[in-house]
Amino acid sequence: MPDAPHPSPTVARSRPRPDARLLVGLALVVASIAAVVGIVTAADEGEDVLAAPRLLTAGQLLTIDDLEVRRVALGVDGHGYLRPDDVPDAGVVVTRTVGEGELVPIAAVGDVRGPSETTIVVSLSTAIGATVRAGDSLDLWSAPALDAGRFGAPVVIAPGTLLVRTITPEGIVAATEAGRVELLVPRRDVARILHAMANGDALSAVPASLAIGG
């Protein structure tokens, strides 16, 4: 019986080497894309701030529609300018002149309530109730100081004030007063409050209304 023919050895085929020019071209394309992305990212590092389209003078009431939005790169120390989100629906009041085309500093505008209301801190002779919270309406009462440590009949000197915050007394002050509160009051009442404080009158803040379940 004749021997079976031996299979011929398989010749190993070598894979073609990639063209160096193709690799260089791909590298250049990738580098170009990365450069473009970097430029776009760098250009987008700015933020939206508001600018004055015209001369702004103290006392003007502005809404967001009265100002221009500009995208600028302010840097680390440049965050003192008004942003669109800083302007409430009621608007803001200009407190000092801003030139035409200038970015609007936050310090150049104020709350629309500024001309009619302000905040003042008063020392109380009686503590406010535990249920009173910031935002509650309070009537400020004053018992005028007389002589020999006596006080007159209390009267309301600032009705319907708004409690901004309570200030917890510390140290020596804690033994001499029931606490201090910061109140939002009409400007027409400021003179009476300051007079009562200077006279050493006994001041008390009483809720103008009671919360449900309080």
N, C-alpha and C. Protein backbone atom coordinates (compact mmCIF):
# COMPACT_ATOMS: atom_id res chain seq x y z
N MET A 1 0.87 -1.19 0.00
CA MET A 1 0.00 0.00 0.00
C MET A 1 0.90 1.22 0.00
N PRO A 2 0.66 2.08 -0.90
CA PRO A 2 1.56 3.25 -1.01
C PRO A 2 1.32 4.21 0.15
N ASP A 3 2.45 4.83 0.55
CA ASP A 3 2.34 5.80 1.66
C ASP A 3 1.50 7.00 1.24
N ALA A 4 0.71 7.54 2.27
CA ALA A 4 -0.12 8.75 2.00
C ALA A 4 0.78 9.95 1.85
N PRO A 5 0.44 10.78 0.94
CA PRO A 5 1.30 11.96 0.73
C PRO A 5 1.29 12.86 1.96
N HIS A 6 2.49 13.36 2.34
CA HIS A 6 2.61 14.28 3.49
C HIS A 6 2.11 15.66 3.08
N PRO A 7 1.33 16.28 3.97
CA PRO A 7 0.86 17.64 3.62
C PRO A 7 2.02 18.61 3.57
N SER A 8 1.95 19.47 2.63
CA SER A 8 3.04 20.44 2.47
C SER A 8 2.96 21.46 3.59
N PRO A 9 4.09 21.83 4.13
CA PRO A 9 4.10 22.80 5.24
C PRO A 9 3.48 24.12 4.81
N THR A 10 2.68 24.71 5.78
CA THR A 10 2.02 26.00 5.51
C THR A 10 3.02 27.12 5.65
N VAL A 11 3.06 27.91 4.67
CA VAL A 11 3.99 29.03 4.69
C VAL A 11 3.35 30.17 5.49
N ALA A 12 4.03 30.58 6.57
CA ALA A 12 3.50 31.68 7.40
C ALA A 12 3.53 32.98 6.63
N ARG A 13 2.34 33.63 6.65
CA ARG A 13 2.25 34.91 5.95
C ARG A 13 2.51 36.06 6.93
N SER A 14 3.37 36.90 6.59
CA SER A 14 3.68 38.07 7.45
C SER A 14 2.65 39.17 7.22
N ARG A 15 2.18 39.79 8.35
CA ARG A 15 1.22 40.87 8.26
C ARG A 15 1.90 42.14 7.79
N PRO A 16 1.21 42.88 6.95
CA PRO A 16 1.84 44.12 6.46
C PRO A 16 1.98 45.12 7.60
N ARG A 17 3.10 45.77 7.67
CA ARG A 17 3.33 46.79 8.69
C ARG A 17 2.55 48.05 8.34
N PRO A 18 1.98 48.72 9.40
CA PRO A 18 1.23 49.95 9.11
C PRO A 18 2.15 51.03 8.56
N ASP A 19 1.59 51.79 7.68
CA ASP A 19 2.35 52.87 7.05
C ASP A 19 2.63 53.95 8.09
N ALA A 20 3.90 54.31 8.26
CA ALA A 20 4.27 55.33 9.24
C ALA A 20 3.60 56.65 8.94
N ARG A 21 3.42 56.94 7.65
CA ARG A 21 2.79 58.21 7.29
C ARG A 21 1.33 58.25 7.75
N LEU A 22 0.66 57.08 7.72
CA LEU A 22 -0.72 57.01 8.19
C LEU A 22 -0.80 57.27 9.68
N LEU A 23 0.14 56.70 10.45
CA LEU A 23 0.15 56.92 11.90
C LEU A 23 0.40 58.38 12.24
N VAL A 24 1.31 59.00 11.52
CA VAL A 24 1.61 60.41 11.76
C VAL A 24 0.38 61.26 11.44
N GLY A 25 -0.32 60.91 10.36
CA GLY A 25 -1.52 61.65 9.98
C GLY A 25 -2.61 61.53 11.04
N LEU A 26 -2.82 60.33 11.57
CA LEU A 26 -3.82 60.13 12.61
C LEU A 26 -3.47 60.92 13.87
N ALA A 27 -2.18 60.92 14.21
CA ALA A 27 -1.74 61.67 15.39
C ALA A 27 -2.00 63.15 15.23
N LEU A 28 -1.76 63.66 14.02
CA LEU A 28 -2.00 65.08 13.77
C LEU A 28 -3.48 65.42 13.86
N VAL A 29 -4.33 64.53 13.36
CA VAL A 29 -5.77 64.76 13.43
C VAL A 29 -6.23 64.80 14.88
N VAL A 30 -5.76 63.84 15.70
CA VAL A 30 -6.14 63.79 17.11
C VAL A 30 -5.67 65.05 17.84
N ALA A 31 -4.43 65.45 17.55
CA ALA A 31 -3.90 66.66 18.19
C ALA A 31 -4.69 67.90 17.79
N SER A 32 -5.11 67.96 16.51
CA SER A 32 -5.88 69.10 16.04
C SER A 32 -7.23 69.17 16.74
N ILE A 33 -7.89 68.02 16.88
CA ILE A 33 -9.19 67.99 17.56
C ILE A 33 -9.05 68.42 19.02
N ALA A 34 -7.99 67.92 19.67
CA ALA A 34 -7.77 68.28 21.07
C ALA A 34 -7.52 69.77 21.22
N ALA A 35 -6.79 70.35 20.28
CA ALA A 35 -6.52 71.79 20.34
C ALA A 35 -7.79 72.60 20.17
N VAL A 36 -8.65 72.19 19.25
CA VAL A 36 -9.91 72.91 19.04
C VAL A 36 -10.79 72.82 20.28
N VAL A 37 -10.88 71.63 20.87
CA VAL A 37 -11.67 71.47 22.08
C VAL A 37 -11.13 72.34 23.21
N GLY A 38 -9.81 72.41 23.31
CA GLY A 38 -9.20 73.24 24.35
C GLY A 38 -9.50 74.71 24.15
N ILE A 39 -9.46 75.16 22.91
CA ILE A 39 -9.74 76.58 22.63
C ILE A 39 -11.19 76.91 22.95
N VAL A 40 -12.11 76.02 22.55
CA VAL A 40 -13.53 76.25 22.83
C VAL A 40 -13.80 76.25 24.33
N THR A 41 -13.17 75.32 25.04
CA THR A 41 -13.36 75.25 26.49
C THR A 41 -12.84 76.51 27.17
N ALA A 42 -11.67 76.97 26.73
CA ALA A 42 -11.10 78.17 27.32
C ALA A 42 -11.97 79.38 27.05
N ALA A 43 -12.53 79.44 25.86
CA ALA A 43 -13.38 80.58 25.51
C ALA A 43 -14.69 80.56 26.28
N ASP A 44 -15.10 79.38 26.78
CA ASP A 44 -16.37 79.25 27.47
C ASP A 44 -16.24 79.42 28.98
N GLU A 45 -15.04 79.78 29.46
CA GLU A 45 -14.83 79.94 30.89
C GLU A 45 -15.42 81.23 31.43
N GLY A 46 -15.97 82.09 30.58
CA GLY A 46 -16.57 83.33 31.04
C GLY A 46 -17.89 83.07 31.74
N GLU A 47 -18.50 84.13 32.24
CA GLU A 47 -19.79 84.03 32.91
C GLU A 47 -20.65 85.22 32.53
N ASP A 48 -21.95 85.03 32.66
CA ASP A 48 -22.90 86.08 32.30
C ASP A 48 -23.00 87.11 33.43
N VAL A 49 -22.76 88.36 33.09
CA VAL A 49 -22.93 89.47 34.03
C VAL A 49 -23.75 90.55 33.34
N LEU A 50 -24.21 91.51 34.12
CA LEU A 50 -25.08 92.55 33.59
C LEU A 50 -24.32 93.86 33.42
N ALA A 51 -24.64 94.56 32.33
CA ALA A 51 -24.01 95.84 32.02
C ALA A 51 -25.09 96.90 31.84
N ALA A 52 -24.67 98.16 32.00
CA ALA A 52 -25.61 99.28 31.87
C ALA A 52 -25.69 99.72 30.41
N PRO A 53 -26.85 99.62 29.77
CA PRO A 53 -26.99 100.06 28.38
C PRO A 53 -26.99 101.58 28.25
N ARG A 54 -27.16 102.24 29.39
CA ARG A 54 -27.18 103.72 29.42
C ARG A 54 -26.71 104.15 30.81
N LEU A 55 -26.56 105.44 31.01
CA LEU A 55 -26.15 105.96 32.31
C LEU A 55 -27.22 105.65 33.35
N LEU A 56 -26.79 105.05 34.47
CA LEU A 56 -27.69 104.73 35.57
C LEU A 56 -27.38 105.66 36.73
N THR A 57 -28.40 106.26 37.31
CA THR A 57 -28.23 107.18 38.42
C THR A 57 -28.96 106.67 39.65
N ALA A 58 -28.50 107.14 40.82
CA ALA A 58 -29.07 106.70 42.09
C ALA A 58 -30.58 106.95 42.14
N GLY A 59 -31.30 105.94 42.64
CA GLY A 59 -32.75 106.05 42.79
C GLY A 59 -33.54 105.38 41.70
N GLN A 60 -32.88 105.00 40.58
CA GLN A 60 -33.60 104.34 39.49
C GLN A 60 -33.99 102.91 39.88
N LEU A 61 -35.17 102.53 39.48
CA LEU A 61 -35.63 101.15 39.65
C LEU A 61 -35.36 100.39 38.37
N LEU A 62 -34.66 99.26 38.48
CA LEU A 62 -34.28 98.46 37.31
C LEU A 62 -34.82 97.05 37.42
N THR A 63 -35.24 96.51 36.30
CA THR A 63 -35.55 95.09 36.19
C THR A 63 -34.52 94.46 35.25
N ILE A 64 -34.58 93.15 35.12
CA ILE A 64 -33.62 92.45 34.27
C ILE A 64 -33.70 92.93 32.83
N ASP A 65 -34.86 93.39 32.40
CA ASP A 65 -35.04 93.84 31.02
C ASP A 65 -34.36 95.19 30.76
N ASP A 66 -34.01 95.90 31.81
CA ASP A 66 -33.37 97.21 31.66
C ASP A 66 -31.86 97.11 31.51
N LEU A 67 -31.32 95.90 31.60
CA LEU A 67 -29.88 95.71 31.58
C LEU A 67 -29.46 94.77 30.46
N GLU A 68 -28.18 94.85 30.08
CA GLU A 68 -27.65 93.99 29.03
C GLU A 68 -26.87 92.83 29.66
N VAL A 69 -27.00 91.66 29.04
CA VAL A 69 -26.25 90.49 29.49
C VAL A 69 -24.99 90.36 28.65
N ARG A 70 -23.85 90.27 29.31
CA ARG A 70 -22.59 90.08 28.62
C ARG A 70 -21.86 88.89 29.21
N ARG A 71 -21.17 88.13 28.33
CA ARG A 71 -20.39 86.99 28.81
C ARG A 71 -18.92 87.41 28.82
N VAL A 72 -18.34 87.47 29.99
CA VAL A 72 -16.97 87.94 30.14
C VAL A 72 -16.22 87.00 31.07
N ALA A 73 -14.89 86.99 30.92
CA ALA A 73 -14.01 86.23 31.80
C ALA A 73 -13.52 87.18 32.89
N LEU A 74 -14.04 86.99 34.10
CA LEU A 74 -13.74 87.91 35.19
C LEU A 74 -12.52 87.50 36.00
N GLY A 75 -12.15 86.23 35.95
CA GLY A 75 -11.02 85.79 36.76
C GLY A 75 -11.44 85.50 38.19
N VAL A 76 -10.46 85.11 39.00
CA VAL A 76 -10.74 84.69 40.38
C VAL A 76 -11.27 85.84 41.22
N ASP A 77 -10.72 87.04 41.01
CA ASP A 77 -11.08 88.19 41.86
C ASP A 77 -12.16 89.06 41.24
N GLY A 78 -12.85 88.58 40.22
CA GLY A 78 -13.81 89.45 39.53
C GLY A 78 -15.25 89.09 39.74
N HIS A 79 -15.60 88.60 40.92
CA HIS A 79 -16.98 88.16 41.16
C HIS A 79 -17.79 89.18 41.93
N GLY A 80 -17.54 90.46 41.69
CA GLY A 80 -18.30 91.49 42.38
C GLY A 80 -19.31 92.18 41.51
N TYR A 81 -19.67 91.55 40.39
CA TYR A 81 -20.60 92.17 39.45
C TYR A 81 -21.96 91.46 39.46
N LEU A 82 -22.97 92.21 39.10
CA LEU A 82 -24.35 91.71 39.13
C LEU A 82 -24.57 90.67 38.05
N ARG A 83 -25.15 89.53 38.44
CA ARG A 83 -25.48 88.46 37.51
C ARG A 83 -26.99 88.45 37.28
N PRO A 84 -27.44 87.84 36.20
CA PRO A 84 -28.89 87.78 35.95
C PRO A 84 -29.67 87.16 37.10
N ASP A 85 -29.11 86.13 37.74
CA ASP A 85 -29.82 85.46 38.83
C ASP A 85 -29.90 86.33 40.09
N ASP A 86 -29.10 87.40 40.16
CA ASP A 86 -29.10 88.26 41.34
C ASP A 86 -30.28 89.23 41.35
N VAL A 87 -30.94 89.40 40.22
CA VAL A 87 -32.00 90.41 40.11
C VAL A 87 -33.36 89.76 40.38
N PRO A 88 -34.04 90.13 41.47
CA PRO A 88 -35.36 89.54 41.76
C PRO A 88 -36.41 90.08 40.79
N ASP A 89 -37.57 89.46 40.79
CA ASP A 89 -38.65 89.88 39.89
C ASP A 89 -39.05 91.33 40.14
N ALA A 90 -38.97 91.75 41.40
CA ALA A 90 -39.37 93.13 41.73
C ALA A 90 -38.33 94.15 41.28
N GLY A 91 -37.14 93.68 40.91
CA GLY A 91 -36.11 94.59 40.45
C GLY A 91 -35.17 95.03 41.56
N VAL A 92 -34.28 95.96 41.23
CA VAL A 92 -33.33 96.51 42.19
C VAL A 92 -33.32 98.03 42.04
N VAL A 93 -32.78 98.70 43.05
CA VAL A 93 -32.66 100.15 43.02
C VAL A 93 -31.19 100.53 42.89
N VAL A 94 -30.90 101.46 42.00
CA VAL A 94 -29.53 101.94 41.82
C VAL A 94 -29.17 102.82 43.01
N THR A 95 -28.01 102.54 43.62
CA THR A 95 -27.58 103.32 44.79
C THR A 95 -26.44 104.28 44.48
N ARG A 96 -25.78 104.09 43.35
CA ARG A 96 -24.76 105.04 42.92
C ARG A 96 -24.61 104.97 41.40
N THR A 97 -24.04 106.01 40.83
CA THR A 97 -23.99 106.14 39.37
C THR A 97 -23.16 105.02 38.74
N VAL A 98 -23.67 104.48 37.63
CA VAL A 98 -22.96 103.49 36.81
C VAL A 98 -22.96 104.02 35.38
N GLY A 99 -21.76 104.15 34.79
CA GLY A 99 -21.64 104.72 33.46
C GLY A 99 -22.19 103.82 32.37
N GLU A 100 -22.53 104.43 31.25
CA GLU A 100 -23.04 103.68 30.10
C GLU A 100 -22.00 102.67 29.63
N GLY A 101 -22.41 101.43 29.43
CA GLY A 101 -21.53 100.38 28.95
C GLY A 101 -20.73 99.69 30.04
N GLU A 102 -20.79 100.17 31.28
CA GLU A 102 -20.02 99.56 32.37
C GLU A 102 -20.74 98.34 32.92
N LEU A 103 -19.95 97.38 33.43
CA LEU A 103 -20.54 96.28 34.17
C LEU A 103 -21.10 96.84 35.48
N VAL A 104 -22.21 96.27 35.93
CA VAL A 104 -22.90 96.79 37.11
C VAL A 104 -22.36 96.09 38.37
N PRO A 105 -21.66 96.81 39.26
CA PRO A 105 -21.20 96.19 40.51
C PRO A 105 -22.40 95.87 41.41
N ILE A 106 -22.28 94.78 42.16
CA ILE A 106 -23.35 94.42 43.10
C ILE A 106 -23.53 95.53 44.12
N ALA A 107 -22.42 96.20 44.48
CA ALA A 107 -22.48 97.26 45.49
C ALA A 107 -23.20 98.50 44.99
N ALA A 108 -23.48 98.57 43.68
CA ALA A 108 -24.13 99.76 43.12
C ALA A 108 -25.64 99.64 43.08
N VAL A 109 -26.20 98.54 43.56
CA VAL A 109 -27.65 98.36 43.58
C VAL A 109 -28.08 97.87 44.95
N GLY A 110 -29.36 98.04 45.24
CA GLY A 110 -29.89 97.61 46.52
C GLY A 110 -31.31 97.08 46.39
N ASP A 111 -31.84 96.59 47.49
CA ASP A 111 -33.20 96.07 47.55
C ASP A 111 -34.19 97.19 47.28
N VAL A 112 -35.27 96.87 46.58
CA VAL A 112 -36.29 97.89 46.26
C VAL A 112 -36.96 98.43 47.51
N ARG A 113 -36.85 97.70 48.63
CA ARG A 113 -37.46 98.18 49.86
C ARG A 113 -36.59 99.20 50.57
N GLY A 114 -35.36 99.38 50.11
CA GLY A 114 -34.42 100.26 50.79
C GLY A 114 -34.92 101.65 51.06
N PRO A 115 -35.54 102.34 50.10
CA PRO A 115 -36.01 103.71 50.37
C PRO A 115 -37.09 103.80 51.42
N SER A 116 -37.84 102.72 51.66
CA SER A 116 -38.96 102.79 52.61
C SER A 116 -38.74 101.96 53.87
N GLU A 117 -37.83 100.99 53.84
CA GLU A 117 -37.61 100.12 54.99
C GLU A 117 -36.12 99.95 55.24
N THR A 118 -35.79 99.59 56.46
CA THR A 118 -34.40 99.32 56.81
C THR A 118 -34.38 98.35 57.98
N THR A 119 -33.20 97.86 58.32
CA THR A 119 -33.07 96.94 59.45
C THR A 119 -32.42 97.65 60.62
N ILE A 120 -32.77 97.23 61.82
CA ILE A 120 -32.21 97.81 63.03
C ILE A 120 -32.16 96.72 64.10
N VAL A 121 -31.10 96.73 64.90
CA VAL A 121 -30.94 95.76 65.99
C VAL A 121 -31.32 96.43 67.30
N VAL A 122 -32.22 95.81 68.03
CA VAL A 122 -32.67 96.36 69.32
C VAL A 122 -32.46 95.33 70.41
N SER A 123 -32.18 95.84 71.62
CA SER A 123 -32.04 94.99 72.79
C SER A 123 -33.38 94.91 73.51
N LEU A 124 -33.81 93.71 73.82
CA LEU A 124 -35.11 93.50 74.44
C LEU A 124 -34.97 93.31 75.94
N SER A 125 -35.98 93.76 76.66
CA SER A 125 -36.01 93.54 78.11
C SER A 125 -36.78 92.28 78.46
N THR A 126 -37.55 91.77 77.52
CA THR A 126 -38.27 90.51 77.71
C THR A 126 -37.98 89.62 76.50
N ALA A 127 -37.82 88.35 76.76
CA ALA A 127 -37.49 87.41 75.68
C ALA A 127 -38.70 87.18 74.78
N ILE A 128 -38.42 86.92 73.50
CA ILE A 128 -39.51 86.60 72.58
C ILE A 128 -39.88 85.13 72.76
N GLY A 129 -41.08 84.77 72.33
CA GLY A 129 -41.56 83.41 72.51
C GLY A 129 -40.76 82.40 71.70
N ALA A 130 -40.78 81.16 72.18
CA ALA A 130 -40.02 80.09 71.53
C ALA A 130 -40.57 79.75 70.15
N THR A 131 -41.82 80.08 69.89
CA THR A 131 -42.42 79.74 68.59
C THR A 131 -42.17 80.81 67.53
N VAL A 132 -41.59 81.94 67.92
CA VAL A 132 -41.34 83.02 66.97
C VAL A 132 -40.16 82.65 66.08
N ARG A 133 -40.32 82.83 64.79
CA ARG A 133 -39.29 82.48 63.82
C ARG A 133 -39.00 83.68 62.91
N ALA A 134 -37.84 83.62 62.26
CA ALA A 134 -37.50 84.66 61.29
C ALA A 134 -38.59 84.75 60.23
N GLY A 135 -38.97 85.99 59.91
CA GLY A 135 -40.04 86.21 58.95
C GLY A 135 -41.37 86.50 59.59
N ASP A 136 -41.48 86.28 60.91
CA ASP A 136 -42.74 86.57 61.61
C ASP A 136 -42.91 88.08 61.80
N SER A 137 -44.16 88.51 61.87
CA SER A 137 -44.49 89.91 62.09
C SER A 137 -44.58 90.19 63.58
N LEU A 138 -43.89 91.26 64.04
CA LEU A 138 -43.85 91.61 65.46
C LEU A 138 -44.23 93.08 65.65
N ASP A 139 -44.88 93.37 66.77
CA ASP A 139 -45.10 94.75 67.20
C ASP A 139 -44.05 95.08 68.24
N LEU A 140 -43.36 96.20 68.06
CA LEU A 140 -42.34 96.61 69.03
C LEU A 140 -42.97 97.58 70.03
N TRP A 141 -42.96 97.18 71.32
CA TRP A 141 -43.53 97.98 72.41
C TRP A 141 -42.40 98.64 73.19
N SER A 142 -42.70 99.81 73.75
CA SER A 142 -41.73 100.52 74.56
C SER A 142 -42.39 101.04 75.83
N ALA A 143 -41.77 100.70 76.97
CA ALA A 143 -42.18 101.26 78.26
C ALA A 143 -41.17 102.33 78.62
N PRO A 144 -41.53 103.61 78.57
CA PRO A 144 -40.56 104.69 78.77
C PRO A 144 -39.94 104.67 80.16
N ALA A 145 -38.61 104.84 80.22
CA ALA A 145 -37.90 104.88 81.49
C ALA A 145 -38.20 106.19 82.22
N LEU A 146 -38.53 106.06 83.51
CA LEU A 146 -38.81 107.24 84.33
C LEU A 146 -37.63 107.47 85.27
N ASP A 147 -37.86 107.53 86.55
CA ASP A 147 -36.77 107.70 87.50
C ASP A 147 -36.81 106.56 88.51
N ALA A 148 -35.71 106.38 89.21
CA ALA A 148 -35.61 105.35 90.26
C ALA A 148 -35.95 103.96 89.71
N GLY A 149 -35.57 103.71 88.46
CA GLY A 149 -35.79 102.40 87.88
C GLY A 149 -37.23 102.08 87.55
N ARG A 150 -38.06 103.08 87.51
CA ARG A 150 -39.46 102.85 87.18
C ARG A 150 -39.70 103.09 85.70
N PHE A 151 -40.77 102.50 85.18
CA PHE A 151 -41.11 102.63 83.77
C PHE A 151 -42.57 103.01 83.63
N GLY A 152 -42.85 103.75 82.57
CA GLY A 152 -44.21 104.17 82.31
C GLY A 152 -45.00 103.09 81.58
N ALA A 153 -46.20 103.43 81.20
CA ALA A 153 -47.09 102.49 80.52
C ALA A 153 -46.53 102.20 79.12
N PRO A 154 -46.48 100.93 78.73
CA PRO A 154 -45.94 100.59 77.40
C PRO A 154 -46.87 101.00 76.28
N VAL A 155 -46.27 101.38 75.16
CA VAL A 155 -47.02 101.73 73.96
C VAL A 155 -46.31 101.11 72.75
N VAL A 156 -47.05 100.91 71.69
CA VAL A 156 -46.45 100.38 70.46
C VAL A 156 -45.75 101.53 69.73
N ILE A 157 -44.45 101.35 69.44
CA ILE A 157 -43.72 102.39 68.72
C ILE A 157 -43.39 101.97 67.28
N ALA A 158 -43.54 100.67 66.97
CA ALA A 158 -43.29 100.20 65.60
C ALA A 158 -44.16 98.97 65.35
N PRO A 159 -45.36 99.17 64.81
CA PRO A 159 -46.24 98.02 64.56
C PRO A 159 -45.85 97.27 63.28
N GLY A 160 -46.08 95.97 63.30
CA GLY A 160 -45.90 95.17 62.09
C GLY A 160 -44.48 95.12 61.56
N THR A 161 -43.49 95.09 62.45
CA THR A 161 -42.11 94.92 61.98
C THR A 161 -41.90 93.46 61.61
N LEU A 162 -40.79 93.18 60.94
CA LEU A 162 -40.51 91.81 60.49
C LEU A 162 -39.24 91.32 61.16
N LEU A 163 -39.30 90.16 61.78
CA LEU A 163 -38.13 89.59 62.44
C LEU A 163 -37.16 89.05 61.40
N VAL A 164 -35.96 89.61 61.37
CA VAL A 164 -34.93 89.13 60.45
C VAL A 164 -34.15 87.98 61.08
N ARG A 165 -33.72 88.18 62.35
CA ARG A 165 -32.98 87.13 63.06
C ARG A 165 -32.93 87.48 64.53
N THR A 166 -32.67 86.47 65.34
CA THR A 166 -32.43 86.69 66.76
C THR A 166 -30.94 86.56 67.01
N ILE A 167 -30.44 87.36 67.96
CA ILE A 167 -29.01 87.36 68.29
C ILE A 167 -28.89 86.90 69.73
N THR A 168 -28.28 85.75 69.94
CA THR A 168 -28.17 85.18 71.28
C THR A 168 -27.15 85.96 72.10
N PRO A 169 -27.54 86.45 73.28
CA PRO A 169 -26.59 87.19 74.10
C PRO A 169 -25.50 86.28 74.65
N GLU A 170 -24.31 86.82 74.82
CA GLU A 170 -23.17 86.05 75.32
C GLU A 170 -22.45 86.86 76.40
N GLY A 171 -21.75 86.14 77.27
CA GLY A 171 -20.90 86.79 78.26
C GLY A 171 -21.67 87.66 79.22
N ILE A 172 -21.09 88.84 79.53
CA ILE A 172 -21.69 89.76 80.48
C ILE A 172 -23.05 90.25 79.99
N VAL A 173 -23.15 90.44 78.65
CA VAL A 173 -24.40 90.94 78.08
C VAL A 173 -25.55 89.98 78.36
N ALA A 174 -25.26 88.69 78.43
CA ALA A 174 -26.30 87.69 78.63
C ALA A 174 -27.02 87.87 79.97
N ALA A 175 -26.32 88.46 80.95
CA ALA A 175 -26.92 88.63 82.27
C ALA A 175 -27.71 89.93 82.39
N THR A 176 -27.60 90.81 81.41
CA THR A 176 -28.22 92.12 81.52
C THR A 176 -29.37 92.35 80.54
N GLU A 177 -29.56 91.45 79.57
CA GLU A 177 -30.65 91.65 78.63
C GLU A 177 -31.23 90.31 78.20
N ALA A 178 -32.48 90.34 77.76
CA ALA A 178 -33.16 89.11 77.37
C ALA A 178 -32.75 88.64 75.99
N GLY A 179 -32.08 89.47 75.25
CA GLY A 179 -31.65 89.11 73.91
C GLY A 179 -31.78 90.29 72.96
N ARG A 180 -31.21 90.14 71.78
CA ARG A 180 -31.31 91.18 70.76
C ARG A 180 -31.93 90.58 69.52
N VAL A 181 -32.64 91.41 68.80
CA VAL A 181 -33.26 90.97 67.56
C VAL A 181 -32.97 92.00 66.48
N GLU A 182 -32.88 91.51 65.27
CA GLU A 182 -32.75 92.40 64.11
C GLU A 182 -34.12 92.45 63.44
N LEU A 183 -34.63 93.66 63.29
CA LEU A 183 -35.97 93.86 62.76
C LEU A 183 -35.92 94.64 61.45
N LEU A 184 -36.82 94.29 60.54
CA LEU A 184 -37.04 95.09 59.34
C LEU A 184 -38.19 96.03 59.65
N VAL A 185 -37.89 97.35 59.63
CA VAL A 185 -38.88 98.33 60.07
C VAL A 185 -39.06 99.42 59.02
N PRO A 186 -40.23 100.03 58.98
CA PRO A 186 -40.42 101.21 58.11
C PRO A 186 -39.50 102.33 58.58
N ARG A 187 -38.96 103.10 57.65
CA ARG A 187 -38.06 104.18 58.01
C ARG A 187 -38.74 105.24 58.88
N ARG A 188 -40.04 105.37 58.75
CA ARG A 188 -40.75 106.37 59.54
C ARG A 188 -40.70 106.06 61.03
N ASP A 189 -40.44 104.77 61.38
CA ASP A 189 -40.40 104.37 62.78
C ASP A 189 -39.00 104.41 63.38
N VAL A 190 -37.98 104.64 62.56
CA VAL A 190 -36.60 104.56 63.04
C VAL A 190 -36.33 105.58 64.14
N ALA A 191 -36.79 106.82 63.97
CA ALA A 191 -36.52 107.87 64.97
C ALA A 191 -37.10 107.49 66.33
N ARG A 192 -38.33 106.96 66.36
CA ARG A 192 -38.95 106.57 67.63
C ARG A 192 -38.17 105.44 68.30
N ILE A 193 -37.71 104.48 67.48
CA ILE A 193 -36.97 103.36 68.04
C ILE A 193 -35.64 103.83 68.61
N LEU A 194 -34.92 104.66 67.88
CA LEU A 194 -33.63 105.16 68.35
C LEU A 194 -33.80 106.00 69.61
N HIS A 195 -34.88 106.80 69.67
CA HIS A 195 -35.13 107.61 70.87
C HIS A 195 -35.38 106.72 72.07
N ALA A 196 -36.16 105.64 71.87
CA ALA A 196 -36.44 104.72 72.97
C ALA A 196 -35.17 104.02 73.45
N MET A 197 -34.32 103.65 72.52
CA MET A 197 -33.07 102.99 72.90
C MET A 197 -32.16 103.95 73.65
N ALA A 198 -32.05 105.19 73.18
CA ALA A 198 -31.19 106.18 73.84
C ALA A 198 -31.72 106.54 75.22
N ASN A 199 -33.03 106.47 75.41
CA ASN A 199 -33.65 106.83 76.68
C ASN A 199 -33.60 105.69 77.69
N GLY A 200 -33.18 104.50 77.24
CA GLY A 200 -33.14 103.35 78.13
C GLY A 200 -34.49 102.75 78.40
N ASP A 201 -35.43 102.94 77.48
CA ASP A 201 -36.77 102.38 77.67
C ASP A 201 -36.71 100.85 77.60
N ALA A 202 -37.71 100.22 78.22
CA ALA A 202 -37.83 98.76 78.17
C ALA A 202 -38.57 98.37 76.90
N LEU A 203 -37.89 97.63 76.03
CA LEU A 203 -38.46 97.26 74.74
C LEU A 203 -38.88 95.79 74.74
N SER A 204 -40.01 95.53 74.11
CA SER A 204 -40.52 94.16 73.99
C SER A 204 -41.06 93.96 72.59
N ALA A 205 -40.79 92.79 72.02
CA ALA A 205 -41.31 92.44 70.70
C ALA A 205 -42.39 91.38 70.87
N VAL A 206 -43.60 91.71 70.45
CA VAL A 206 -44.75 90.83 70.64
C VAL A 206 -45.27 90.42 69.27
N PRO A 207 -45.52 89.12 69.06
CA PRO A 207 -46.05 88.67 67.76
C PRO A 207 -47.33 89.40 67.39
N ALA A 208 -47.40 89.86 66.14
CA ALA A 208 -48.60 90.54 65.67
C ALA A 208 -49.72 89.55 65.39
N SER A 209 -49.36 88.27 65.18
CA SER A 209 -50.35 87.23 64.96
C SER A 209 -49.76 85.92 65.41
N LEU A 210 -50.59 84.92 65.63
CA LEU A 210 -50.14 83.61 66.07
C LEU A 210 -50.27 82.62 64.92
N ALA A 211 -49.22 81.80 64.73
CA ALA A 211 -49.27 80.77 63.70
C ALA A 211 -50.27 79.68 64.11
N ILE A 212 -50.86 79.03 63.14
CA ILE A 212 -51.80 77.94 63.39
C ILE A 212 -51.08 76.82 64.14
N GLY A 213 -51.64 76.41 65.26
CA GLY A 213 -51.01 75.36 66.06
C GLY A 213 -49.92 75.87 66.96
N GLY A 214 -49.69 77.20 66.99
CA GLY A 214 -48.64 77.76 67.83
C GLY A 214 -49.05 77.84 69.29
